[in-house]
mmCIF file of all heavy atoms, coordinates in Angstrom:
data_MODEL
# 
_entry.id   MODEL 
# 
loop_
_atom_site.group_PDB 
_atom_site.id 
_atom_site.type_symbol 
_atom_site.label_atom_id 
_atom_site.label_alt_id 
_atom_site.label_comp_id 
_atom_site.label_asym_id 
_atom_site.label_entity_id 
_atom_site.label_seq_id 
_atom_site.pdbx_PDB_ins_code 
_atom_site.Cartn_x 
_atom_site.Cartn_y 
_atom_site.Cartn_z 
_atom_site.occupancy 
_atom_site.B_iso_or_equiv 
_atom_site.pdbx_formal_charge 
_atom_site.auth_seq_id 
_atom_site.auth_comp_id 
_atom_site.auth_asym_id 
_atom_site.auth_atom_id 
_atom_site.pdbx_PDB_model_num 
ATOM 1   N N   . GLU A 1 1  ? 5.012   -13.880 -8.321  1.00 0.00 ? 1  GLU A N   1 
ATOM 2   C CA  . GLU A 1 1  ? 4.839   -12.479 -8.424  1.00 0.00 ? 1  GLU A CA  1 
ATOM 3   C C   . GLU A 1 1  ? 4.199   -11.845 -7.198  1.00 0.00 ? 1  GLU A C   1 
ATOM 4   O O   . GLU A 1 1  ? 4.505   -10.718 -6.798  1.00 0.00 ? 1  GLU A O   1 
ATOM 5   C CB  . GLU A 1 1  ? 3.982   -12.128 -9.697  1.00 0.00 ? 1  GLU A CB  1 
ATOM 6   C CG  . GLU A 1 1  ? 4.640   -12.477 -11.020 1.00 0.00 ? 1  GLU A CG  1 
ATOM 7   C CD  . GLU A 1 1  ? 5.714   -11.529 -11.418 1.00 0.00 ? 1  GLU A CD  1 
ATOM 8   O OE1 . GLU A 1 1  ? 5.729   -10.405 -10.910 1.00 0.00 ? 1  GLU A OE1 1 
ATOM 9   O OE2 . GLU A 1 1  ? 6.572   -11.891 -12.222 1.00 0.00 ? 1  GLU A OE2 1 
ATOM 10  N N   . VAL A 1 2  ? 3.220   -12.576 -6.637  1.00 0.00 ? 2  VAL A N   1 
ATOM 11  C CA  . VAL A 1 2  ? 2.357   -12.004 -5.606  1.00 0.00 ? 2  VAL A CA  1 
ATOM 12  C C   . VAL A 1 2  ? 2.279   -12.969 -4.379  1.00 0.00 ? 2  VAL A C   1 
ATOM 13  O O   . VAL A 1 2  ? 2.030   -14.140 -4.568  1.00 0.00 ? 2  VAL A O   1 
ATOM 14  C CB  . VAL A 1 2  ? 0.942   -11.800 -6.141  1.00 0.00 ? 2  VAL A CB  1 
ATOM 15  C CG1 . VAL A 1 2  ? 0.046   -11.141 -5.081  1.00 0.00 ? 2  VAL A CG1 1 
ATOM 16  C CG2 . VAL A 1 2  ? 0.945   -10.913 -7.392  1.00 0.00 ? 2  VAL A CG2 1 
ATOM 17  N N   . MET A 1 3  ? 2.554   -12.360 -3.202  1.00 0.00 ? 3  MET A N   1 
ATOM 18  C CA  . MET A 1 3  ? 2.523   -13.206 -2.007  1.00 0.00 ? 3  MET A CA  1 
ATOM 19  C C   . MET A 1 3  ? 1.217   -12.950 -1.174  1.00 0.00 ? 3  MET A C   1 
ATOM 20  O O   . MET A 1 3  ? 0.891   -13.777 -0.288  1.00 0.00 ? 3  MET A O   1 
ATOM 21  C CB  . MET A 1 3  ? 3.729   -12.925 -1.137  1.00 0.00 ? 3  MET A CB  1 
ATOM 22  C CG  . MET A 1 3  ? 3.854   -11.511 -0.570  1.00 0.00 ? 3  MET A CG  1 
ATOM 23  S SD  . MET A 1 3  ? 5.403   -11.260 0.310   1.00 0.00 ? 3  MET A SD  1 
ATOM 24  C CE  . MET A 1 3  ? 5.190   -12.389 1.718   1.00 0.00 ? 3  MET A CE  1 
ATOM 25  N N   . ASP A 1 4  ? 0.517   -11.908 -1.457  1.00 0.00 ? 4  ASP A N   1 
ATOM 26  C CA  . ASP A 1 4  ? -0.731  -11.614 -0.712  1.00 0.00 ? 4  ASP A CA  1 
ATOM 27  C C   . ASP A 1 4  ? -1.538  -10.549 -1.510  1.00 0.00 ? 4  ASP A C   1 
ATOM 28  O O   . ASP A 1 4  ? -0.972  -9.814  -2.330  1.00 0.00 ? 4  ASP A O   1 
ATOM 29  C CB  . ASP A 1 4  ? -0.404  -11.080 0.711   1.00 0.00 ? 4  ASP A CB  1 
ATOM 30  C CG  . ASP A 1 4  ? -1.596  -11.086 1.592   1.00 0.00 ? 4  ASP A CG  1 
ATOM 31  O OD1 . ASP A 1 4  ? -2.628  -11.646 1.254   1.00 0.00 ? 4  ASP A OD1 1 
ATOM 32  O OD2 . ASP A 1 4  ? -1.462  -10.536 2.736   1.00 0.00 ? 4  ASP A OD2 1 
ATOM 33  N N   . ALA A 1 5  ? -2.809  -10.526 -1.231  1.00 0.00 ? 5  ALA A N   1 
ATOM 34  C CA  . ALA A 1 5  ? -3.725  -9.526  -1.829  1.00 0.00 ? 5  ALA A CA  1 
ATOM 35  C C   . ALA A 1 5  ? -4.804  -9.246  -0.838  1.00 0.00 ? 5  ALA A C   1 
ATOM 36  O O   . ALA A 1 5  ? -5.381  -10.131 -0.240  1.00 0.00 ? 5  ALA A O   1 
ATOM 37  C CB  . ALA A 1 5  ? -4.263  -10.002 -3.157  1.00 0.00 ? 5  ALA A CB  1 
ATOM 38  N N   . ARG A 1 6  ? -5.081  -7.931  -0.617  1.00 0.00 ? 6  ARG A N   1 
ATOM 39  C CA  . ARG A 1 6  ? -6.127  -7.559  0.352   1.00 0.00 ? 6  ARG A CA  1 
ATOM 40  C C   . ARG A 1 6  ? -6.809  -6.261  -0.086  1.00 0.00 ? 6  ARG A C   1 
ATOM 41  O O   . ARG A 1 6  ? -6.272  -5.530  -0.951  1.00 0.00 ? 6  ARG A O   1 
ATOM 42  C CB  . ARG A 1 6  ? -5.495  -7.304  1.733   1.00 0.00 ? 6  ARG A CB  1 
ATOM 43  C CG  . ARG A 1 6  ? -4.705  -8.429  2.347   1.00 0.00 ? 6  ARG A CG  1 
ATOM 44  C CD  . ARG A 1 6  ? -4.137  -8.076  3.694   1.00 0.00 ? 6  ARG A CD  1 
ATOM 45  N NE  . ARG A 1 6  ? -3.143  -8.962  4.167   1.00 0.00 ? 6  ARG A NE  1 
ATOM 46  C CZ  . ARG A 1 6  ? -2.411  -8.785  5.277   1.00 0.00 ? 6  ARG A CZ  1 
ATOM 47  N NH1 . ARG A 1 6  ? -2.543  -7.638  5.981   1.00 0.00 ? 6  ARG A NH1 1 
ATOM 48  N NH2 . ARG A 1 6  ? -1.515  -9.714  5.617   1.00 0.00 ? 6  ARG A NH2 1 
ATOM 49  N N   . TRP A 1 7  ? -7.944  -5.999  0.523   1.00 0.00 ? 7  TRP A N   1 
ATOM 50  C CA  . TRP A 1 7  ? -8.693  -4.768  0.285   1.00 0.00 ? 7  TRP A CA  1 
ATOM 51  C C   . TRP A 1 7  ? -8.316  -3.761  1.335   1.00 0.00 ? 7  TRP A C   1 
ATOM 52  O O   . TRP A 1 7  ? -8.277  -4.094  2.549   1.00 0.00 ? 7  TRP A O   1 
ATOM 53  C CB  . TRP A 1 7  ? -10.182 -4.997  0.319   1.00 0.00 ? 7  TRP A CB  1 
ATOM 54  C CG  . TRP A 1 7  ? -10.702 -5.823  -0.843  1.00 0.00 ? 7  TRP A CG  1 
ATOM 55  C CD1 . TRP A 1 7  ? -10.918 -7.181  -0.882  1.00 0.00 ? 7  TRP A CD1 1 
ATOM 56  C CD2 . TRP A 1 7  ? -11.034 -5.322  -2.140  1.00 0.00 ? 7  TRP A CD2 1 
ATOM 57  N NE1 . TRP A 1 7  ? -11.356 -7.554  -2.093  1.00 0.00 ? 7  TRP A NE1 1 
ATOM 58  C CE2 . TRP A 1 7  ? -11.447 -6.447  -2.922  1.00 0.00 ? 7  TRP A CE2 1 
ATOM 59  C CE3 . TRP A 1 7  ? -11.022 -4.061  -2.729  1.00 0.00 ? 7  TRP A CE3 1 
ATOM 60  C CZ2 . TRP A 1 7  ? -11.849 -6.347  -4.220  1.00 0.00 ? 7  TRP A CZ2 1 
ATOM 61  C CZ3 . TRP A 1 7  ? -11.455 -3.951  -4.054  1.00 0.00 ? 7  TRP A CZ3 1 
ATOM 62  C CH2 . TRP A 1 7  ? -11.846 -5.069  -4.810  1.00 0.00 ? 7  TRP A CH2 1 
ATOM 63  N N   . PHE A 1 8  ? -7.985  -2.523  0.921   1.00 0.00 ? 8  PHE A N   1 
ATOM 64  C CA  . PHE A 1 8  ? -7.581  -1.450  1.822   1.00 0.00 ? 8  PHE A CA  1 
ATOM 65  C C   . PHE A 1 8  ? -8.482  -0.253  1.584   1.00 0.00 ? 8  PHE A C   1 
ATOM 66  O O   . PHE A 1 8  ? -8.869  0.077   0.477   1.00 0.00 ? 8  PHE A O   1 
ATOM 67  C CB  . PHE A 1 8  ? -6.107  -1.051  1.560   1.00 0.00 ? 8  PHE A CB  1 
ATOM 68  C CG  . PHE A 1 8  ? -5.075  -2.071  1.945   1.00 0.00 ? 8  PHE A CG  1 
ATOM 69  C CD1 . PHE A 1 8  ? -4.784  -3.109  1.102   1.00 0.00 ? 8  PHE A CD1 1 
ATOM 70  C CD2 . PHE A 1 8  ? -4.374  -1.925  3.130   1.00 0.00 ? 8  PHE A CD2 1 
ATOM 71  C CE1 . PHE A 1 8  ? -3.844  -4.053  1.430   1.00 0.00 ? 8  PHE A CE1 1 
ATOM 72  C CE2 . PHE A 1 8  ? -3.420  -2.885  3.461   1.00 0.00 ? 8  PHE A CE2 1 
ATOM 73  C CZ  . PHE A 1 8  ? -3.151  -3.933  2.643   1.00 0.00 ? 8  PHE A CZ  1 
ATOM 74  N N   . THR A 1 9  ? -8.772  0.477   2.697   1.00 0.00 ? 9  THR A N   1 
ATOM 75  C CA  . THR A 1 9  ? -9.443  1.736   2.564   1.00 0.00 ? 9  THR A CA  1 
ATOM 76  C C   . THR A 1 9  ? -8.431  2.753   1.985   1.00 0.00 ? 9  THR A C   1 
ATOM 77  O O   . THR A 1 9  ? -7.229  2.533   2.077   1.00 0.00 ? 9  THR A O   1 
ATOM 78  C CB  . THR A 1 9  ? -9.917  2.283   3.916   1.00 0.00 ? 9  THR A CB  1 
ATOM 79  O OG1 . THR A 1 9  ? -8.806  2.558   4.723   1.00 0.00 ? 9  THR A OG1 1 
ATOM 80  C CG2 . THR A 1 9  ? -10.825 1.274   4.614   1.00 0.00 ? 9  THR A CG2 1 
ATOM 81  N N   . PRO A 1 10 ? -8.883  3.850   1.396   1.00 0.00 ? 10 PRO A N   1 
ATOM 82  C CA  . PRO A 1 10 ? -7.960  4.847   0.848   1.00 0.00 ? 10 PRO A CA  1 
ATOM 83  C C   . PRO A 1 10 ? -7.017  5.351   1.959   1.00 0.00 ? 10 PRO A C   1 
ATOM 84  O O   . PRO A 1 10 ? -5.825  5.568   1.678   1.00 0.00 ? 10 PRO A O   1 
ATOM 85  C CB  . PRO A 1 10 ? -8.905  5.968   0.346   1.00 0.00 ? 10 PRO A CB  1 
ATOM 86  C CG  . PRO A 1 10 ? -10.142 5.216   -0.045  1.00 0.00 ? 10 PRO A CG  1 
ATOM 87  C CD  . PRO A 1 10 ? -10.296 4.142   0.974   1.00 0.00 ? 10 PRO A CD  1 
ATOM 88  N N   . GLU A 1 11 ? -7.493  5.519   3.167   1.00 0.00 ? 11 GLU A N   1 
ATOM 89  C CA  . GLU A 1 11 ? -6.628  5.995   4.236   1.00 0.00 ? 11 GLU A CA  1 
ATOM 90  C C   . GLU A 1 11 ? -5.561  4.964   4.592   1.00 0.00 ? 11 GLU A C   1 
ATOM 91  O O   . GLU A 1 11 ? -4.378  5.312   4.849   1.00 0.00 ? 11 GLU A O   1 
ATOM 92  C CB  . GLU A 1 11 ? -7.423  6.355   5.484   1.00 0.00 ? 11 GLU A CB  1 
ATOM 93  C CG  . GLU A 1 11 ? -6.627  7.019   6.569   1.00 0.00 ? 11 GLU A CG  1 
ATOM 94  C CD  . GLU A 1 11 ? -5.774  8.227   6.116   1.00 0.00 ? 11 GLU A CD  1 
ATOM 95  O OE1 . GLU A 1 11 ? -6.311  9.024   5.306   1.00 0.00 ? 11 GLU A OE1 1 
ATOM 96  O OE2 . GLU A 1 11 ? -4.635  8.309   6.498   1.00 0.00 ? 11 GLU A OE2 1 
ATOM 97  N N   . GLU A 1 12 ? -5.914  3.660   4.579   1.00 0.00 ? 12 GLU A N   1 
ATOM 98  C CA  . GLU A 1 12 ? -4.961  2.611   4.799   1.00 0.00 ? 12 GLU A CA  1 
ATOM 99  C C   . GLU A 1 12 ? -3.901  2.590   3.668   1.00 0.00 ? 12 GLU A C   1 
ATOM 100 O O   . GLU A 1 12 ? -2.721  2.356   3.930   1.00 0.00 ? 12 GLU A O   1 
ATOM 101 C CB  . GLU A 1 12 ? -5.650  1.292   4.938   1.00 0.00 ? 12 GLU A CB  1 
ATOM 102 C CG  . GLU A 1 12 ? -6.466  1.125   6.200   1.00 0.00 ? 12 GLU A CG  1 
ATOM 103 C CD  . GLU A 1 12 ? -7.325  -0.139  6.185   1.00 0.00 ? 12 GLU A CD  1 
ATOM 104 O OE1 . GLU A 1 12 ? -7.701  -0.650  5.097   1.00 0.00 ? 12 GLU A OE1 1 
ATOM 105 O OE2 . GLU A 1 12 ? -7.690  -0.563  7.290   1.00 0.00 ? 12 GLU A OE2 1 
ATOM 106 N N   . ALA A 1 13 ? -4.336  2.824   2.483   1.00 0.00 ? 13 ALA A N   1 
ATOM 107 C CA  . ALA A 1 13 ? -3.411  2.927   1.309   1.00 0.00 ? 13 ALA A CA  1 
ATOM 108 C C   . ALA A 1 13 ? -2.460  4.086   1.521   1.00 0.00 ? 13 ALA A C   1 
ATOM 109 O O   . ALA A 1 13 ? -1.261  3.954   1.228   1.00 0.00 ? 13 ALA A O   1 
ATOM 110 C CB  . ALA A 1 13 ? -4.214  3.016   0.007   1.00 0.00 ? 13 ALA A CB  1 
ATOM 111 N N   . ARG A 1 14 ? -2.998  5.183   1.978   1.00 0.00 ? 14 ARG A N   1 
ATOM 112 C CA  . ARG A 1 14 ? -2.086  6.378   2.236   1.00 0.00 ? 14 ARG A CA  1 
ATOM 113 C C   . ARG A 1 14 ? -1.057  6.048   3.295   1.00 0.00 ? 14 ARG A C   1 
ATOM 114 O O   . ARG A 1 14 ? 0.087   6.445   3.185   1.00 0.00 ? 14 ARG A O   1 
ATOM 115 C CB  . ARG A 1 14 ? -2.961  7.551   2.708   1.00 0.00 ? 14 ARG A CB  1 
ATOM 116 C CG  . ARG A 1 14 ? -3.697  8.270   1.612   1.00 0.00 ? 14 ARG A CG  1 
ATOM 117 C CD  . ARG A 1 14 ? -4.246  9.620   2.091   1.00 0.00 ? 14 ARG A CD  1 
ATOM 118 N NE  . ARG A 1 14 ? -4.922  10.336  1.065   1.00 0.00 ? 14 ARG A NE  1 
ATOM 119 C CZ  . ARG A 1 14 ? -6.231  10.227  0.790   1.00 0.00 ? 14 ARG A CZ  1 
ATOM 120 N NH1 . ARG A 1 14 ? -6.971  9.440   1.543   1.00 0.00 ? 14 ARG A NH1 1 
ATOM 121 N NH2 . ARG A 1 14 ? -6.792  10.912  -0.193  1.00 0.00 ? 14 ARG A NH2 1 
ATOM 122 N N   . GLU A 1 15 ? -1.465  5.314   4.299   1.00 0.00 ? 15 GLU A N   1 
ATOM 123 C CA  . GLU A 1 15 ? -0.568  4.943   5.395   1.00 0.00 ? 15 GLU A CA  1 
ATOM 124 C C   . GLU A 1 15 ? 0.594   4.043   4.802   1.00 0.00 ? 15 GLU A C   1 
ATOM 125 O O   . GLU A 1 15 ? 1.764   4.172   5.254   1.00 0.00 ? 15 GLU A O   1 
ATOM 126 C CB  . GLU A 1 15 ? -1.285  4.226   6.504   1.00 0.00 ? 15 GLU A CB  1 
ATOM 127 C CG  . GLU A 1 15 ? -0.451  3.907   7.702   1.00 0.00 ? 15 GLU A CG  1 
ATOM 128 C CD  . GLU A 1 15 ? 0.090   5.168   8.408   1.00 0.00 ? 15 GLU A CD  1 
ATOM 129 O OE1 . GLU A 1 15 ? -0.443  6.253   8.217   1.00 0.00 ? 15 GLU A OE1 1 
ATOM 130 O OE2 . GLU A 1 15 ? 1.078   5.009   9.143   1.00 0.00 ? 15 GLU A OE2 1 
ATOM 131 N N   . LEU A 1 16 ? 0.239   3.160   3.938   1.00 0.00 ? 16 LEU A N   1 
ATOM 132 C CA  . LEU A 1 16 ? 1.266   2.342   3.298   1.00 0.00 ? 16 LEU A CA  1 
ATOM 133 C C   . LEU A 1 16 ? 2.282   3.154   2.540   1.00 0.00 ? 16 LEU A C   1 
ATOM 134 O O   . LEU A 1 16 ? 3.509   2.914   2.653   1.00 0.00 ? 16 LEU A O   1 
ATOM 135 C CB  . LEU A 1 16 ? 0.613   1.329   2.313   1.00 0.00 ? 16 LEU A CB  1 
ATOM 136 C CG  . LEU A 1 16 ? -0.257  0.202   2.902   1.00 0.00 ? 16 LEU A CG  1 
ATOM 137 C CD1 . LEU A 1 16 ? -0.873  -0.634  1.775   1.00 0.00 ? 16 LEU A CD1 1 
ATOM 138 C CD2 . LEU A 1 16 ? 0.579   -0.656  3.837   1.00 0.00 ? 16 LEU A CD2 1 
ATOM 139 N N   . THR A 1 17 ? 1.847   4.214   1.852   1.00 0.00 ? 17 THR A N   1 
ATOM 140 C CA  . THR A 1 17 ? 2.776   5.080   1.150   1.00 0.00 ? 17 THR A CA  1 
ATOM 141 C C   . THR A 1 17 ? 3.614   5.891   2.115   1.00 0.00 ? 17 THR A C   1 
ATOM 142 O O   . THR A 1 17 ? 4.793   6.133   1.910   1.00 0.00 ? 17 THR A O   1 
ATOM 143 C CB  . THR A 1 17 ? 2.043   6.018   0.184   1.00 0.00 ? 17 THR A CB  1 
ATOM 144 O OG1 . THR A 1 17 ? 1.156   6.874   0.912   1.00 0.00 ? 17 THR A OG1 1 
ATOM 145 C CG2 . THR A 1 17 ? 1.225   5.201   -0.820  1.00 0.00 ? 17 THR A CG2 1 
ATOM 146 N N   . ARG A 1 18 ? 2.982   6.359   3.207   1.00 0.00 ? 18 ARG A N   1 
ATOM 147 C CA  . ARG A 1 18 ? 3.724   7.178   4.189   1.00 0.00 ? 18 ARG A CA  1 
ATOM 148 C C   . ARG A 1 18 ? 4.781   6.407   4.900   1.00 0.00 ? 18 ARG A C   1 
ATOM 149 O O   . ARG A 1 18 ? 5.828   6.978   5.256   1.00 0.00 ? 18 ARG A O   1 
ATOM 150 C CB  . ARG A 1 18 ? 2.718   7.786   5.225   1.00 0.00 ? 18 ARG A CB  1 
ATOM 151 C CG  . ARG A 1 18 ? 1.908   8.945   4.692   1.00 0.00 ? 18 ARG A CG  1 
ATOM 152 C CD  . ARG A 1 18 ? 1.276   9.700   5.852   1.00 0.00 ? 18 ARG A CD  1 
ATOM 153 N NE  . ARG A 1 18 ? 0.244   8.927   6.506   1.00 0.00 ? 18 ARG A NE  1 
ATOM 154 C CZ  . ARG A 1 18 ? -1.078  9.050   6.223   1.00 0.00 ? 18 ARG A CZ  1 
ATOM 155 N NH1 . ARG A 1 18 ? -1.464  9.947   5.338   1.00 0.00 ? 18 ARG A NH1 1 
ATOM 156 N NH2 . ARG A 1 18 ? -1.959  8.333   6.835   1.00 0.00 ? 18 ARG A NH2 1 
ATOM 157 N N   . THR A 1 19 ? 4.562   5.105   5.119   1.00 0.00 ? 19 THR A N   1 
ATOM 158 C CA  . THR A 1 19 ? 5.507   4.300   5.925   1.00 0.00 ? 19 THR A CA  1 
ATOM 159 C C   . THR A 1 19 ? 6.533   3.576   4.992   1.00 0.00 ? 19 THR A C   1 
ATOM 160 O O   . THR A 1 19 ? 7.378   2.829   5.538   1.00 0.00 ? 19 THR A O   1 
ATOM 161 C CB  . THR A 1 19 ? 4.759   3.294   6.760   1.00 0.00 ? 19 THR A CB  1 
ATOM 162 O OG1 . THR A 1 19 ? 3.967   2.455   5.879   1.00 0.00 ? 19 THR A OG1 1 
ATOM 163 C CG2 . THR A 1 19 ? 3.864   3.973   7.788   1.00 0.00 ? 19 THR A CG2 1 
ATOM 164 N N   . GLY A 1 20 ? 6.462   3.824   3.686   1.00 0.00 ? 20 GLY A N   1 
ATOM 165 C CA  . GLY A 1 20 ? 7.417   3.198   2.794   1.00 0.00 ? 20 GLY A CA  1 
ATOM 166 C C   . GLY A 1 20 ? 7.085   1.718   2.507   1.00 0.00 ? 20 GLY A C   1 
ATOM 167 O O   . GLY A 1 20 ? 7.953   0.974   1.986   1.00 0.00 ? 20 GLY A O   1 
ATOM 168 N N   . ALA A 1 21 ? 5.838   1.283   2.841   1.00 0.00 ? 21 ALA A N   1 
ATOM 169 C CA  . ALA A 1 21 ? 5.402   -0.070  2.577   1.00 0.00 ? 21 ALA A CA  1 
ATOM 170 C C   . ALA A 1 21 ? 4.786   -0.263  1.196   1.00 0.00 ? 21 ALA A C   1 
ATOM 171 O O   . ALA A 1 21 ? 4.403   -1.388  0.878   1.00 0.00 ? 21 ALA A O   1 
ATOM 172 C CB  . ALA A 1 21 ? 4.479   -0.569  3.643   1.00 0.00 ? 21 ALA A CB  1 
ATOM 173 N N   . PHE A 1 22 ? 4.724   0.792   0.418   1.00 0.00 ? 22 PHE A N   1 
ATOM 174 C CA  . PHE A 1 22 ? 4.109   0.770   -0.889  1.00 0.00 ? 22 PHE A CA  1 
ATOM 175 C C   . PHE A 1 22 ? 5.124   1.116   -1.962  1.00 0.00 ? 22 PHE A C   1 
ATOM 176 O O   . PHE A 1 22 ? 6.016   1.965   -1.712  1.00 0.00 ? 22 PHE A O   1 
ATOM 177 C CB  . PHE A 1 22 ? 2.938   1.776   -0.950  1.00 0.00 ? 22 PHE A CB  1 
ATOM 178 C CG  . PHE A 1 22 ? 2.013   1.560   -2.135  1.00 0.00 ? 22 PHE A CG  1 
ATOM 179 C CD1 . PHE A 1 22 ? 0.875   0.715   -1.973  1.00 0.00 ? 22 PHE A CD1 1 
ATOM 180 C CD2 . PHE A 1 22 ? 2.211   2.161   -3.356  1.00 0.00 ? 22 PHE A CD2 1 
ATOM 181 C CE1 . PHE A 1 22 ? 0.035   0.498   -3.026  1.00 0.00 ? 22 PHE A CE1 1 
ATOM 182 C CE2 . PHE A 1 22 ? 1.364   1.898   -4.400  1.00 0.00 ? 22 PHE A CE2 1 
ATOM 183 C CZ  . PHE A 1 22 ? 0.261   1.085   -4.250  1.00 0.00 ? 22 PHE A CZ  1 
ATOM 184 N N   . VAL A 1 23 ? 5.101   0.459   -3.097  1.00 0.00 ? 23 VAL A N   1 
ATOM 185 C CA  . VAL A 1 23 ? 6.015   0.742   -4.174  1.00 0.00 ? 23 VAL A CA  1 
ATOM 186 C C   . VAL A 1 23 ? 5.918   2.249   -4.491  1.00 0.00 ? 23 VAL A C   1 
ATOM 187 O O   . VAL A 1 23 ? 4.831   2.751   -4.666  1.00 0.00 ? 23 VAL A O   1 
ATOM 188 C CB  . VAL A 1 23 ? 5.672   -0.069  -5.428  1.00 0.00 ? 23 VAL A CB  1 
ATOM 189 C CG1 . VAL A 1 23 ? 6.436   0.358   -6.631  1.00 0.00 ? 23 VAL A CG1 1 
ATOM 190 C CG2 . VAL A 1 23 ? 5.934   -1.582  -5.152  1.00 0.00 ? 23 VAL A CG2 1 
ATOM 191 N N   . PRO A 1 24 ? 7.063   2.916   -4.586  1.00 0.00 ? 24 PRO A N   1 
ATOM 192 C CA  . PRO A 1 24 ? 7.005   4.355   -4.840  1.00 0.00 ? 24 PRO A CA  1 
ATOM 193 C C   . PRO A 1 24 ? 6.439   4.694   -6.236  1.00 0.00 ? 24 PRO A C   1 
ATOM 194 O O   . PRO A 1 24 ? 7.027   4.355   -7.258  1.00 0.00 ? 24 PRO A O   1 
ATOM 195 C CB  . PRO A 1 24 ? 8.485   4.793   -4.723  1.00 0.00 ? 24 PRO A CB  1 
ATOM 196 C CG  . PRO A 1 24 ? 9.273   3.523   -4.938  1.00 0.00 ? 24 PRO A CG  1 
ATOM 197 C CD  . PRO A 1 24 ? 8.426   2.412   -4.419  1.00 0.00 ? 24 PRO A CD  1 
ATOM 198 N N   . LEU A 1 25 ? 5.296   5.282   -6.242  1.00 0.00 ? 25 LEU A N   1 
ATOM 199 C CA  . LEU A 1 25 ? 4.612   5.735   -7.483  1.00 0.00 ? 25 LEU A CA  1 
ATOM 200 C C   . LEU A 1 25 ? 4.154   7.179   -7.224  1.00 0.00 ? 25 LEU A C   1 
ATOM 201 O O   . LEU A 1 25 ? 3.372   7.450   -6.298  1.00 0.00 ? 25 LEU A O   1 
ATOM 202 C CB  . LEU A 1 25 ? 3.392   4.880   -7.846  1.00 0.00 ? 25 LEU A CB  1 
ATOM 203 C CG  . LEU A 1 25 ? 3.712   3.423   -8.350  1.00 0.00 ? 25 LEU A CG  1 
ATOM 204 C CD1 . LEU A 1 25 ? 2.419   2.651   -8.479  1.00 0.00 ? 25 LEU A CD1 1 
ATOM 205 C CD2 . LEU A 1 25 ? 4.393   3.503   -9.688  1.00 0.00 ? 25 LEU A CD2 1 
ATOM 206 N N   . GLY A 1 26 ? 4.607   8.102   -8.058  1.00 0.00 ? 26 GLY A N   1 
ATOM 207 C CA  . GLY A 1 26 ? 4.360   9.539   -7.816  1.00 0.00 ? 26 GLY A CA  1 
ATOM 208 C C   . GLY A 1 26 ? 2.929   9.961   -7.952  1.00 0.00 ? 26 GLY A C   1 
ATOM 209 O O   . GLY A 1 26 ? 2.600   11.049  -7.506  1.00 0.00 ? 26 GLY A O   1 
# 
């Protein structure tokens, strides 16, 4: 199920969503 797990700052999490690297969740 999981290949990696890490701690991200909120801004880093935003960047994941902006670049399409995060599962699309509205």
